[in-house]
PDB file of N, CA and C in Angstrom:
ATOM      1  N   MET A   1     133.419 133.744  62.584  1.00  0.00           N
ATOM      2  CA  MET A   1     133.953 132.446  62.943  1.00  0.00           C
ATOM      3  C   MET A   1     135.289 132.272  62.252  1.00  0.00           C
ATOM      4  N   ARG A   2     136.242 131.762  62.981  1.00  0.00           N
ATOM      5  CA  ARG A   2     137.571 131.536  62.424  1.00  0.00           C
ATOM      6  C   ARG A   2     137.824 130.037  62.364  1.00  0.00           C
ATOM      7  N   LEU A   3     138.243 129.573  61.213  1.00  0.00           N
ATOM      8  CA  LEU A   3     138.562 128.171  61.027  1.00  0.00           C
ATOM      9  C   LEU A   3     140.050 128.052  60.749  1.00  0.00           C
ATOM     10  N   ASN A   4     140.683 127.127  61.392  1.00  0.00           N
ATOM     11  CA  ASN A   4     142.102 126.880  61.177  1.00  0.00           C
ATOM     12  C   ASN A   4     142.295 125.445  60.744  1.00  0.00           C
ATOM     13  N   GLU A   5     143.182 125.256  59.795  1.00  0.00           N
ATOM     14  CA  GLU A   5     143.552 123.909  59.401  1.00  0.00           C
ATOM     15  C   GLU A   5     144.519 123.365  60.450  1.00  0.00           C
ATOM     16  N   VAL A   6     144.236 122.185  60.928  1.00  0.00           N
ATOM     17  CA  VAL A   6     145.094 121.564  61.919  1.00  0.00           C
ATOM     18  C   VAL A   6     145.860 120.440  61.241  1.00  0.00           C
ATOM     19  N   VAL A   7     147.168 120.462  61.377  1.00  0.00           N
ATOM     20  CA  VAL A   7     148.016 119.440  60.793  1.00  0.00           C
ATOM     21  C   VAL A   7     148.723 118.712  61.930  1.00  0.00           C
ATOM     22  N   PHE A   8     148.560 117.411  61.981  1.00  0.00           N
ATOM     23  CA  PHE A   8     149.215 116.619  63.010  1.00  0.00           C
ATOM     24  C   PHE A   8     150.418 115.921  62.412  1.00  0.00           C
ATOM     25  N   THR A   9     151.571 116.130  63.000  1.00  0.00           N
ATOM     26  CA  THR A   9     152.792 115.448  62.585  1.00  0.00           C
ATOM     27  C   THR A   9     153.517 115.016  63.854  1.00  0.00           C
ATOM     28  N   ASP A  10     154.609 114.338  63.673  1.00  0.00           N
ATOM     29  CA  ASP A  10     155.423 113.937  64.815  1.00  0.00           C
ATOM     30  C   ASP A  10     156.541 114.937  65.086  1.00  0.00           C
ATOM     31  N   ALA A  11     156.476 116.112  64.483  1.00  0.00           N
ATOM     32  CA  ALA A  11     157.504 117.129  64.690  1.00  0.00           C
ATOM     33  C   ALA A  11     157.414 117.671  66.111  1.00  0.00           C
ATOM     34  N   GLN A  12     158.570 117.816  66.744  1.00  0.00           N
ATOM     35  CA  GLN A  12     158.647 118.352  68.094  1.00  0.00           C
ATOM     36  C   GLN A  12     159.692 119.449  68.128  1.00  0.00           C
ATOM     37  N   PRO A  13     159.509 120.445  68.992  1.00  0.00           N
ATOM     38  CA  PRO A  13     160.513 121.508  69.076  1.00  0.00           C
ATOM     39  C   PRO A  13     161.815 121.000  69.684  1.00  0.00           C
ATOM     40  N   ILE A  14     162.876 121.691  69.347  1.00  0.00           N
ATOM     41  CA  ILE A  14     164.194 121.407  69.907  1.00  0.00           C
ATOM     42  C   ILE A  14     164.278 122.176  71.217  1.00  0.00           C
ATOM     43  N   GLU A  15     164.471 121.436  72.303  1.00  0.00           N
ATOM     44  CA  GLU A  15     164.440 122.049  73.633  1.00  0.00           C
ATOM     45  C   GLU A  15     165.808 122.517  74.104  1.00  0.00           C
ATOM     46  N   GLY A  16     166.862 121.963  73.540  1.00  0.00           N
ATOM     47  CA  GLY A  16     168.193 122.364  73.966  1.00  0.00           C
ATOM     48  C   GLY A  16     169.259 121.573  73.243  1.00  0.00           C
ATOM     49  N   TYR A  17     170.501 121.971  73.478  1.00  0.00           N
ATOM     50  CA  TYR A  17     171.645 121.297  72.863  1.00  0.00           C
ATOM     51  C   TYR A  17     172.867 121.575  73.720  1.00  0.00           C
ATOM     52  N   GLY A  18     173.874 120.770  73.523  1.00  0.00           N
ATOM     53  CA  GLY A  18     175.128 120.948  74.240  1.00  0.00           C
ATOM     54  C   GLY A  18     176.215 120.191  73.507  1.00  0.00           C
ATOM     55  N   PRO A  19     177.379 120.076  74.105  1.00  0.00           N
ATOM     56  CA  PRO A  19     178.473 119.386  73.425  1.00  0.00           C
ATOM     57  C   PRO A  19     178.095 117.944  73.067  1.00  0.00           C
ATOM     58  N   GLY A  20     177.892 117.695  71.792  1.00  0.00           N
ATOM     59  CA  GLY A  20     177.629 116.351  71.303  1.00  0.00           C
ATOM     60  C   GLY A  20     176.197 115.869  71.368  1.00  0.00           C
ATOM     61  N   PHE A  21     175.229 116.706  71.793  1.00  0.00           N
ATOM     62  CA  PHE A  21     173.860 116.217  71.915  1.00  0.00           C
ATOM     63  C   PHE A  21     172.820 117.297  71.602  1.00  0.00           C
ATOM     64  N   PHE A  22     171.586 116.814  71.393  1.00  0.00           N
ATOM     65  CA  PHE A  22     170.410 117.667  71.242  1.00  0.00           C
ATOM     66  C   PHE A  22     169.308 117.089  72.121  1.00  0.00           C
ATOM     67  N   ARG A  23     168.465 117.931  72.719  1.00  0.00           N
ATOM     68  CA  ARG A  23     167.308 117.480  73.471  1.00  0.00           C
ATOM     69  C   ARG A  23     166.067 117.880  72.674  1.00  0.00           C
ATOM     70  N   ILE A  24     165.330 116.860  72.239  1.00  0.00           N
ATOM     71  CA  ILE A  24     164.155 117.072  71.386  1.00  0.00           C
ATOM     72  C   ILE A  24     163.017 116.224  71.941  1.00  0.00           C
ATOM     73  N   GLY A  25     161.897 116.861  72.224  1.00  0.00           N
ATOM     74  CA  GLY A  25     160.745 116.128  72.735  1.00  0.00           C
ATOM     75  C   GLY A  25     161.018 115.410  74.037  1.00  0.00           C
ATOM     76  N   GLY A  26     161.862 115.987  74.887  1.00  0.00           N
ATOM     77  CA  GLY A  26     162.163 115.398  76.174  1.00  0.00           C
ATOM     78  C   GLY A  26     163.193 114.288  76.139  1.00  0.00           C
ATOM     79  N   THR A  27     163.740 113.988  74.976  1.00  0.00           N
ATOM     80  CA  THR A  27     164.718 112.912  74.832  1.00  0.00           C
ATOM     81  C   THR A  27     166.061 113.492  74.406  1.00  0.00           C
ATOM     82  N   LYS A  28     167.123 112.998  75.038  1.00  0.00           N
ATOM     83  CA  LYS A  28     168.475 113.412  74.668  1.00  0.00           C
ATOM     84  C   LYS A  28     168.954 112.524  73.530  1.00  0.00           C
ATOM     85  N   HIS A  29     169.396 113.147  72.443  1.00  0.00           N
ATOM     86  CA  HIS A  29     169.911 112.444  71.264  1.00  0.00           C
ATOM     87  C   HIS A  29     171.386 112.790  71.114  1.00  0.00           C
ATOM     88  N   GLU A  30     172.231 111.760  71.132  1.00  0.00           N
ATOM     89  CA  GLU A  30     173.674 111.952  70.979  1.00  0.00           C
ATOM     90  C   GLU A  30     174.042 112.010  69.493  1.00  0.00           C
ATOM     91  N   GLY A  31     174.970 112.872  69.140  1.00  0.00           N
ATOM     92  CA  GLY A  31     175.479 112.942  67.777  1.00  0.00           C
ATOM     93  C   GLY A  31     174.541 113.672  66.825  1.00  0.00           C
ATOM     94  N   PRO A  32     174.854 113.608  65.536  1.00  0.00           N
ATOM     95  CA  PRO A  32     174.035 114.286  64.528  1.00  0.00           C
ATOM     96  C   PRO A  32     172.627 113.694  64.469  1.00  0.00           C
ATOM     97  N   VAL A  33     171.635 114.564  64.310  1.00  0.00           N
ATOM     98  CA  VAL A  33     170.238 114.131  64.214  1.00  0.00           C
ATOM     99  C   VAL A  33     169.538 114.880  63.097  1.00  0.00           C
ATOM    100  N   VAL A  34     168.429 114.301  62.669  1.00  0.00           N
ATOM    101  CA  VAL A  34     167.508 114.985  61.777  1.00  0.00           C
ATOM    102  C   VAL A  34     166.138 114.920  62.439  1.00  0.00           C
ATOM    103  N   THR A  35     165.421 116.033  62.435  1.00  0.00           N
ATOM    104  CA  THR A  35     164.110 116.088  63.063  1.00  0.00           C
ATOM    105  C   THR A  35     163.147 116.840  62.160  1.00  0.00           C
ATOM    106  N   GLY A  36     161.912 116.400  62.175  1.00  0.00           N
ATOM    107  CA  GLY A  36     160.902 117.017  61.321  1.00  0.00           C
ATOM    108  C   GLY A  36     159.569 116.326  61.477  1.00  0.00           C
ATOM    109  N   PRO A  37     158.746 116.355  60.435  1.00  0.00           N
ATOM    110  CA  PRO A  37     157.375 115.859  60.543  1.00  0.00           C
ATOM    111  C   PRO A  37     157.239 114.365  60.811  1.00  0.00           C
ATOM    112  N   THR A  38     158.295 113.601  60.624  1.00  0.00           N
ATOM    113  CA  THR A  38     158.223 112.162  60.888  1.00  0.00           C
ATOM    114  C   THR A  38     158.956 111.778  62.168  1.00  0.00           C
ATOM    115  N   GLY A  39     159.333 112.754  62.969  1.00  0.00           N
ATOM    116  CA  GLY A  39     160.021 112.491  64.219  1.00  0.00           C
ATOM    117  C   GLY A  39     161.507 112.785  64.132  1.00  0.00           C
ATOM    118  N   THR A  40     162.248 112.263  65.093  1.00  0.00           N
ATOM    119  CA  THR A  40     163.687 112.515  65.207  1.00  0.00           C
ATOM    120  C   THR A  40     164.436 111.200  65.104  1.00  0.00           C
ATOM    121  N   LYS A  41     165.533 111.221  64.354  1.00  0.00           N
ATOM    122  CA  LYS A  41     166.363 110.018  64.218  1.00  0.00           C
ATOM    123  C   LYS A  41     167.810 110.418  63.986  1.00  0.00           C
ATOM    124  N   PRO A  42     168.730 109.475  64.174  1.00  0.00           N
ATOM    125  CA  PRO A  42     170.137 109.763  63.908  1.00  0.00           C
ATOM    126  C   PRO A  42     170.345 110.133  62.443  1.00  0.00           C
ATOM    127  N   TRP A  43     171.367 110.951  62.216  1.00  0.00           N
ATOM    128  CA  TRP A  43     171.725 111.362  60.862  1.00  0.00           C
ATOM    129  C   TRP A  43     173.205 111.091  60.663  1.00  0.00           C
ATOM    130  N   GLY A  44     173.565 110.528  59.523  1.00  0.00           N
ATOM    131  CA  GLY A  44     174.949 110.171  59.235  1.00  0.00           C
ATOM    132  C   GLY A  44     175.803 111.310  58.733  1.00  0.00           C
ATOM    133  N   GLY A  45     175.330 112.534  58.812  1.00  0.00           N
ATOM    134  CA  GLY A  45     176.112 113.678  58.350  1.00  0.00           C
ATOM    135  C   GLY A  45     175.974 113.892  56.850  1.00  0.00           C
ATOM    136  N   TYR A  46     176.847 114.685  56.301  1.00  0.00           N
ATOM    137  CA  TYR A  46     176.740 115.095  54.896  1.00  0.00           C
ATOM    138  C   TYR A  46     176.725 113.930  53.911  1.00  0.00           C
ATOM    139  N   ASP A  47     177.300 112.794  54.277  1.00  0.00           N
ATOM    140  CA  ASP A  47     177.296 111.637  53.378  1.00  0.00           C
ATOM    141  C   ASP A  47     175.972 110.883  53.387  1.00  0.00           C
ATOM    142  N   ASP A  48     175.073 111.236  54.291  1.00  0.00           N
ATOM    143  CA  ASP A  48     173.784 110.552  54.439  1.00  0.00           C
ATOM    144  C   ASP A  48     172.668 111.363  53.769  1.00  0.00           C
ATOM    145  N   ALA A  49     172.742 111.483  52.459  1.00  0.00           N
ATOM    146  CA  ALA A  49     171.748 112.263  51.720  1.00  0.00           C
ATOM    147  C   ALA A  49     170.385 111.579  51.698  1.00  0.00           C
ATOM    148  N   ASP A  50     170.352 110.253  51.690  1.00  0.00           N
ATOM    149  CA  ASP A  50     169.078 109.540  51.575  1.00  0.00           C
ATOM    150  C   ASP A  50     168.119 109.880  52.715  1.00  0.00           C
ATOM    151  N   THR A  51     168.634 110.038  53.920  1.00  0.00           N
ATOM    152  CA  THR A  51     167.786 110.398  55.054  1.00  0.00           C
ATOM    153  C   THR A  51     167.118 111.745  54.812  1.00  0.00           C
ATOM    154  N   LEU A  52     167.845 112.670  54.217  1.00  0.00           N
ATOM    155  CA  LEU A  52     167.295 113.998  53.955  1.00  0.00           C
ATOM    156  C   LEU A  52     166.364 113.990  52.744  1.00  0.00           C
ATOM    157  N   LEU A  53     166.700 113.216  51.721  1.00  0.00           N
ATOM    158  CA  LEU A  53     165.848 113.133  50.527  1.00  0.00           C
ATOM    159  C   LEU A  53     164.497 112.519  50.835  1.00  0.00           C
ATOM    160  N   ALA A  54     164.390 111.779  51.925  1.00  0.00           N
ATOM    161  CA  ALA A  54     163.101 111.197  52.327  1.00  0.00           C
ATOM    162  C   ALA A  54     162.076 112.275  52.670  1.00  0.00           C
ATOM    163  N   TYR A  55     162.511 113.503  52.876  1.00  0.00           N
ATOM    164  CA  TYR A  55     161.594 114.613  53.172  1.00  0.00           C
ATOM    165  C   TYR A  55     160.967 115.224  51.924  1.00  0.00           C
ATOM    166  N   GLU A  56     161.294 114.700  50.762  1.00  0.00           N
ATOM    167  CA  GLU A  56     160.717 115.214  49.519  1.00  0.00           C
ATOM    168  C   GLU A  56     159.193 115.212  49.623  1.00  0.00           C
ATOM    169  N   GLY A  57     158.585 116.350  49.342  1.00  0.00           N
ATOM    170  CA  GLY A  57     157.140 116.493  49.385  1.00  0.00           C
ATOM    171  C   GLY A  57     156.577 116.734  50.780  1.00  0.00           C
ATOM    172  N   ALA A  58     157.387 116.539  51.814  1.00  0.00           N
ATOM    173  CA  ALA A  58     156.906 116.702  53.184  1.00  0.00           C
ATOM    174  C   ALA A  58     157.330 118.022  53.814  1.00  0.00           C
ATOM    175  N   VAL A  59     158.434 118.613  53.311  1.00  0.00           N
ATOM    176  CA  VAL A  59     158.905 119.888  53.852  1.00  0.00           C
ATOM    177  C   VAL A  59     159.227 120.838  52.707  1.00  0.00           C
ATOM    178  N   ASP A  60     159.148 122.114  53.030  1.00  0.00           N
ATOM    179  CA  ASP A  60     159.520 123.138  52.059  1.00  0.00           C
ATOM    180  C   ASP A  60     160.955 123.592  52.252  1.00  0.00           C
ATOM    181  N   VAL A  61     161.422 123.528  53.496  1.00  0.00           N
ATOM    182  CA  VAL A  61     162.787 123.965  53.780  1.00  0.00           C
ATOM    183  C   VAL A  61     163.408 123.040  54.822  1.00  0.00           C
ATOM    184  N   LEU A  62     164.684 122.773  54.612  1.00  0.00           N
ATOM    185  CA  LEU A  62     165.495 121.980  55.528  1.00  0.00           C
ATOM    186  C   LEU A  62     166.594 122.888  56.058  1.00  0.00           C
ATOM    187  N   PHE A  63     166.646 123.038  57.371  1.00  0.00           N
ATOM    188  CA  PHE A  63     167.719 123.798  57.994  1.00  0.00           C
ATOM    189  C   PHE A  63     168.850 122.830  58.308  1.00  0.00           C
ATOM    190  N   VAL A  64     170.036 123.139  57.831  1.00  0.00           N
ATOM    191  CA  VAL A  64     171.196 122.307  58.091  1.00  0.00           C
ATOM    192  C   VAL A  64     172.080 123.042  59.083  1.00  0.00           C
ATOM    193  N   GLY A  65     172.154 122.490  60.288  1.00  0.00           N
ATOM    194  CA  GLY A  65     173.011 123.045  61.328  1.00  0.00           C
ATOM    195  C   GLY A  65     174.408 122.485  61.165  1.00  0.00           C
ATOM    196  N   THR A  66     175.371 123.350  60.934  1.00  0.00           N
ATOM    197  CA  THR A  66     176.736 122.937  60.593  1.00  0.00           C
ATOM    198  C   THR A  66     177.664 122.876  61.805  1.00  0.00           C
ATOM    199  N   GLY A  67     177.101 122.758  63.001  1.00  0.00           N
ATOM    200  CA  GLY A  67     177.914 122.721  64.220  1.00  0.00           C
ATOM    201  C   GLY A  67     177.940 124.085  64.886  1.00  0.00           C
ATOM    202  N   GLY A  68     179.003 124.342  65.625  1.00  0.00           N
ATOM    203  CA  GLY A  68     179.110 125.591  66.372  1.00  0.00           C
ATOM    204  C   GLY A  68     179.270 126.833  65.512  1.00  0.00           C
ATOM    205  N   ASP A  69     179.805 126.658  64.312  1.00  0.00           N
ATOM    206  CA  ASP A  69     180.028 127.784  63.399  1.00  0.00           C
ATOM    207  C   ASP A  69     179.328 127.521  62.080  1.00  0.00           C
ATOM    208  N   ILE A  70     178.989 128.583  61.382  1.00  0.00           N
ATOM    209  CA  ILE A  70     178.382 128.429  60.064  1.00  0.00           C
ATOM    210  C   ILE A  70     179.448 127.939  59.084  1.00  0.00           C
ATOM    211  N   ALA A  71     179.045 127.069  58.200  1.00  0.00           N
ATOM    212  CA  ALA A  71     179.947 126.539  57.179  1.00  0.00           C
ATOM    213  C   ALA A  71     179.124 126.194  55.949  1.00  0.00           C
ATOM    214  N   HIS A  72     179.789 126.067  54.827  1.00  0.00           N
ATOM    215  CA  HIS A  72     179.108 125.637  53.608  1.00  0.00           C
ATOM    216  C   HIS A  72     178.870 124.136  53.678  1.00  0.00           C
ATOM    217  N   ILE A  73     177.724 123.697  53.157  1.00  0.00           N
ATOM    218  CA  ILE A  73     177.511 122.263  53.026  1.00  0.00           C
ATOM    219  C   ILE A  73     178.003 121.853  51.645  1.00  0.00           C
ATOM    220  N   PRO A  74     178.307 120.593  51.437  1.00  0.00           N
ATOM    221  CA  PRO A  74     178.804 120.168  50.123  1.00  0.00           C
ATOM    222  C   PRO A  74     177.813 120.541  49.005  1.00  0.00           C
ATOM    223  N   ALA A  75     178.340 121.112  47.938  1.00  0.00           N
ATOM    224  CA  ALA A  75     177.502 121.558  46.828  1.00  0.00           C
ATOM    225  C   ALA A  75     176.684 120.412  46.242  1.00  0.00           C
ATOM    226  N   ALA A  76     177.264 119.222  46.168  1.00  0.00           N
ATOM    227  CA  ALA A  76     176.544 118.077  45.607  1.00  0.00           C
ATOM    228  C   ALA A  76     175.318 117.741  46.453  1.00  0.00           C
ATOM    229  N   LEU A  77     175.423 117.842  47.774  1.00  0.00           N
ATOM    230  CA  LEU A  77     174.280 117.578  48.654  1.00  0.00           C
ATOM    231  C   LEU A  77     173.206 118.635  48.453  1.00  0.00           C
ATOM    232  N   ARG A  78     173.605 119.897  48.457  1.00  0.00           N
ATOM    233  CA  ARG A  78     172.635 120.981  48.241  1.00  0.00           C
ATOM    234  C   ARG A  78     171.927 120.803  46.895  1.00  0.00           C
ATOM    235  N   ASP A  79     172.681 120.499  45.853  1.00  0.00           N
ATOM    236  CA  ASP A  79     172.089 120.331  44.520  1.00  0.00           C
ATOM    237  C   ASP A  79     171.083 119.195  44.488  1.00  0.00           C
ATOM    238  N   ARG A  80     171.410 118.070  45.121  1.00  0.00           N
ATOM    239  CA  ARG A  80     170.479 116.925  45.142  1.00  0.00           C
ATOM    240  C   ARG A  80     169.182 117.275  45.867  1.00  0.00           C
ATOM    241  N   LEU A  81     169.295 117.963  46.998  1.00  0.00           N
ATOM    242  CA  LEU A  81     168.106 118.334  47.760  1.00  0.00           C
ATOM    243  C   LEU A  81     167.245 119.328  46.996  1.00  0.00           C
ATOM    244  N   GLU A  82     167.874 120.349  46.451  1.00  0.00           N
ATOM    245  CA  GLU A  82     167.118 121.372  45.728  1.00  0.00           C
ATOM    246  C   GLU A  82     166.484 120.813  44.459  1.00  0.00           C
ATOM    247  N   ALA A  83     167.138 119.857  43.804  1.00  0.00           N
ATOM    248  CA  ALA A  83     166.560 119.235  42.610  1.00  0.00           C
ATOM    249  C   ALA A  83     165.283 118.475  42.946  1.00  0.00           C
ATOM    250  N   ARG A  84     165.135 118.065  44.198  1.00  0.00           N
ATOM    251  CA  ARG A  84     163.948 117.333  44.641  1.00  0.00           C
ATOM    252  C   ARG A  84     162.929 118.255  45.308  1.00  0.00           C
ATOM    253  N   GLY A  85     163.144 119.578  45.219  1.00  0.00           N
ATOM    254  CA  GLY A  85     162.177 120.536  45.747  1.00  0.00           C
ATOM    255  C   GLY A  85     162.315 120.840  47.220  1.00  0.00           C
ATOM    256  N   ILE A  86     163.453 120.487  47.806  1.00  0.00           N
ATOM    257  CA  ILE A  86     163.696 120.766  49.221  1.00  0.00           C
ATOM    258  C   ILE A  86     164.624 121.969  49.310  1.00  0.00           C
ATOM    259  N   GLY A  87     164.110 123.080  49.806  1.00  0.00           N
ATOM    260  CA  GLY A  87     164.947 124.259  50.004  1.00  0.00           C
ATOM    261  C   GLY A  87     165.925 124.009  51.138  1.00  0.00           C
ATOM    262  N   VAL A  88     167.129 124.516  51.022  1.00  0.00           N
ATOM    263  CA  VAL A  88     168.178 124.264  52.006  1.00  0.00           C
ATOM    264  C   VAL A  88     168.717 125.587  52.530  1.00  0.00           C
ATOM    265  N   GLU A  89     168.782 125.679  53.859  1.00  0.00           N
ATOM    266  CA  GLU A  89     169.389 126.836  54.509  1.00  0.00           C
ATOM    267  C   GLU A  89     170.439 126.337  55.488  1.00  0.00           C
ATOM    268  N   ALA A  90     171.702 126.637  55.212  1.00  0.00           N
ATOM    269  CA  ALA A  90     172.793 126.245  56.108  1.00  0.00           C
ATOM    270  C   ALA A  90     173.079 127.380  57.078  1.00  0.00           C
ATOM    271  N   MET A  91     173.272 127.014  58.342  1.00  0.00           N
ATOM    272  CA  MET A  91     173.592 127.981  59.391  1.00  0.00           C
ATOM    273  C   MET A  91     174.211 127.215  60.553  1.00  0.00           C
ATOM    274  N   SER A  92     174.710 127.903  61.533  1.00  0.00           N
ATOM    275  CA  SER A  92     175.241 127.209  62.702  1.00  0.00           C
ATOM    276  C   SER A  92     174.101 126.403  63.341  1.00  0.00           C
ATOM    277  N   SER A  93     174.448 125.369  64.068  1.00  0.00           N
ATOM    278  CA  SER A  93     173.407 124.549  64.697  1.00  0.00           C
ATOM    279  C   SER A  93     172.562 125.331  65.704  1.00  0.00           C
ATOM    280  N   PRO A  94     173.152 126.206  66.537  1.00  0.00           N
ATOM    281  CA  PRO A  94     172.293 126.989  67.425  1.00  0.00           C
ATOM    282  C   PRO A  94     171.267 127.835  66.658  1.00  0.00           C
ATOM    283  N   ALA A  95     171.691 128.471  65.579  1.00  0.00           N
ATOM    284  CA  ALA A  95     170.765 129.272  64.771  1.00  0.00           C
ATOM    285  C   ALA A  95     169.723 128.388  64.094  1.00  0.00           C
ATOM    286  N   ALA A  96     170.132 127.210  63.627  1.00  0.00           N
ATOM    287  CA  ALA A  96     169.196 126.291  62.981  1.00  0.00           C
ATOM    288  C   ALA A  96     168.136 125.825  63.973  1.00  0.00           C
ATOM    289  N   CYS A  97     168.531 125.546  65.211  1.00  0.00           N
ATOM    290  CA  CYS A  97     167.560 125.137  66.236  1.00  0.00           C
ATOM    291  C   CYS A  97     166.530 126.228  66.485  1.00  0.00           C
ATOM    292  N   ARG A  98     166.993 127.451  66.642  1.00  0.00           N
ATOM    293  CA  ARG A  98     166.077 128.569  66.909  1.00  0.00           C
ATOM    294  C   ARG A  98     165.135 128.795  65.736  1.00  0.00           C
ATOM    295  N   THR A  99     165.685 128.822  64.530  1.00  0.00           N
ATOM    296  CA  THR A  99     164.880 129.101  63.340  1.00  0.00           C
ATOM    297  C   THR A  99     163.860 127.989  63.105  1.00  0.00           C
ATOM    298  N   TYR A 100     164.286 126.738  63.265  1.00  0.00           N
ATOM    299  CA  TYR A 100     163.379 125.600  63.134  1.00  0.00           C
ATOM    300  C   TYR A 100     162.201 125.740  64.103  1.00  0.00           C
ATOM    301  N   ASN A 101     162.491 126.062  65.374  1.00  0.00           N
ATOM    302  CA  ASN A 101     161.431 126.181  66.376  1.00  0.00           C
ATOM    303  C   ASN A 101     160.438 127.283  66.026  1.00  0.00           C
ATOM    304  N   VAL A 102     160.933 128.415  65.558  1.00  0.00           N
ATOM    305  CA  VAL A 102     160.034 129.520  65.207  1.00  0.00           C
ATOM    306  C   VAL A 102     159.113 129.112  64.062  1.00  0.00           C
ATOM    307  N   LEU A 103     159.683 128.560  62.999  1.00  0.00           N
ATOM    308  CA  LEU A 103     158.854 128.183  61.859  1.00  0.00           C
ATOM    309  C   LEU A 103     157.940 127.010  62.186  1.00  0.00           C
ATOM    310  N   LEU A 104     158.388 126.083  63.007  1.00  0.00           N
ATOM    311  CA  LEU A 104     157.535 124.981  63.445  1.00  0.00           C
ATOM    312  C   LEU A 104     156.333 125.524  64.213  1.00  0.00           C
ATOM    313  N   SER A 105     156.557 126.511  65.069  1.00  0.00           N
ATOM    314  CA  SER A 105     155.461 127.090  65.852  1.00  0.00           C
ATOM    315  C   SER A 105     154.446 127.802  64.970  1.00  0.00           C
ATOM    316  N   GLU A 106     154.878 128.203  63.783  1.00  0.00           N
ATOM    317  CA  GLU A 106     153.974 128.845  62.821  1.00  0.00           C
ATOM    318  C   GLU A 106     153.256 127.827  61.943  1.00  0.00           C
ATOM    319  N   GLY A 107     153.537 126.550  62.162  1.00  0.00           N
ATOM    320  CA  GLY A 107     152.898 125.508  61.372  1.00  0.00           C
ATOM    321  C   GLY A 107     153.523 125.291  60.009  1.00  0.00           C
ATOM    322  N   ARG A 108     154.739 125.768  59.834  1.00  0.00           N
ATOM    323  CA  ARG A 108     155.427 125.627  58.549  1.00  0.00           C
ATOM    324  C   ARG A 108     155.948 124.214  58.364  1.00  0.00           C
ATOM    325  N   ARG A 109     156.146 123.826  57.114  1.00  0.00           N
ATOM    326  CA  ARG A 109     156.647 122.490  56.759  1.00  0.00           C
ATOM    327  C   ARG A 109     158.172 122.524  56.743  1.00  0.00           C
ATOM    328  N   VAL A 110     158.784 122.224  57.907  1.00  0.00           N
ATOM    329  CA  VAL A 110     160.231 122.353  58.068  1.00  0.00           C
ATOM    330  C   VAL A 110     160.817 121.089  58.673  1.00  0.00           C
ATOM    331  N   ALA A 111     162.117 120.936  58.469  1.00  0.00           N
ATOM    332  CA  ALA A 111     162.910 119.890  59.109  1.00  0.00           C
ATOM    333  C   ALA A 111     164.279 120.488  59.400  1.00  0.00           C
ATOM    334  N   ALA A 112     165.027 119.820  60.284  1.00  0.00           N
ATOM    335  CA  ALA A 112     166.374 120.285  60.612  1.00  0.00           C
ATOM    336  C   ALA A 112     167.312 119.087  60.679  1.00  0.00           C
ATOM    337  N   ALA A 113     168.441 119.210  60.006  1.00  0.00           N
ATOM    338  CA  ALA A 113     169.527 118.235  60.076  1.00  0.00           C
ATOM    339  C   ALA A 113     170.650 118.928  60.825  1.00  0.00           C
ATOM    340  N   LEU A 114     171.055 118.358  61.951  1.00  0.00           N
ATOM    341  CA  LEU A 114     171.922 119.083  62.870  1.00  0.00           C
ATOM    342  C   LEU A 114     173.190 118.319  63.225  1.00  0.00           C
ATOM    343  N   LEU A 115     174.333 118.986  63.037  1.00  0.00           N
ATOM    344  CA  LEU A 115     175.606 118.491  63.548  1.00  0.00           C
ATOM    345  C   LEU A 115     175.808 119.113  64.925  1.00  0.00           C
ATOM    346  N   PRO A 116     176.278 118.336  65.904  1.00  0.00           N
ATOM    347  CA  PRO A 116     176.422 118.859  67.253  1.00  0.00           C
ATOM    348  C   PRO A 116     177.459 119.973  67.360  1.00  0.00           C
ATOM    349  N   VAL A 117     177.309 120.748  68.412  1.00  0.00           N
ATOM    350  CA  VAL A 117     178.306 121.773  68.728  1.00  0.00           C
ATOM    351  C   VAL A 117     179.330 121.159  69.660  1.00  0.00           C
ATOM    352  N   GLY A 118     180.571 121.544  69.516  1.00  0.00           N
ATOM    353  CA  GLY A 118     181.629 121.114  70.418  1.00  0.00           C
ATOM    354  C   GLY A 118     181.822 119.605  70.488  1.00  0.00           C
ATOM    355  N   ASP A 119     182.693 119.198  71.378  1.00  0.00           N
ATOM    356  CA  ASP A 119     182.979 117.782  71.576  1.00  0.00           C
ATOM    357  C   ASP A 119     182.227 117.278  72.796  1.00  0.00           C
ATOM    358  N   ALA A 120     181.771 116.054  72.719  1.00  0.00           N
ATOM    359  CA  ALA A 120     181.144 115.419  73.873  1.00  0.00           C
ATOM    360  C   ALA A 120     182.252 114.859  74.755  1.00  0.00           C
ATOM    361  N   THR A 121     182.603 115.584  75.810  1.00  0.00           N
ATOM    362  CA  THR A 121     183.660 115.129  76.706  1.00  0.00           C
ATOM    363  C   THR A 121     183.161 114.977  78.115  1.00  0.00           C
TER     364      THR A 121
END
């Protein structure tokens, strides 16, 4: 007999993205978003640390999508998150979406903070 622990959260996979938006759980979200075990909501970007710090104790790793290209996130933001036990992995937003979905499908405790790719025109 095989027993599996079932964890119910409001986390949903990222279904797609495009210039200025992300599609998560069948809903199109304009601009930067954060998604994870408590659902999806707007994110104010690198200056909005409080939204990310709210994941303390709920996730082991936060994927930060830096837009169309990989970039460093501000050291002060990374330090604050890591001091609270939140591992941080910065990568391009397309890579962050893919990696988040894979780990989410494995039942891992993950979240993603995503800056959009390209301009919404």
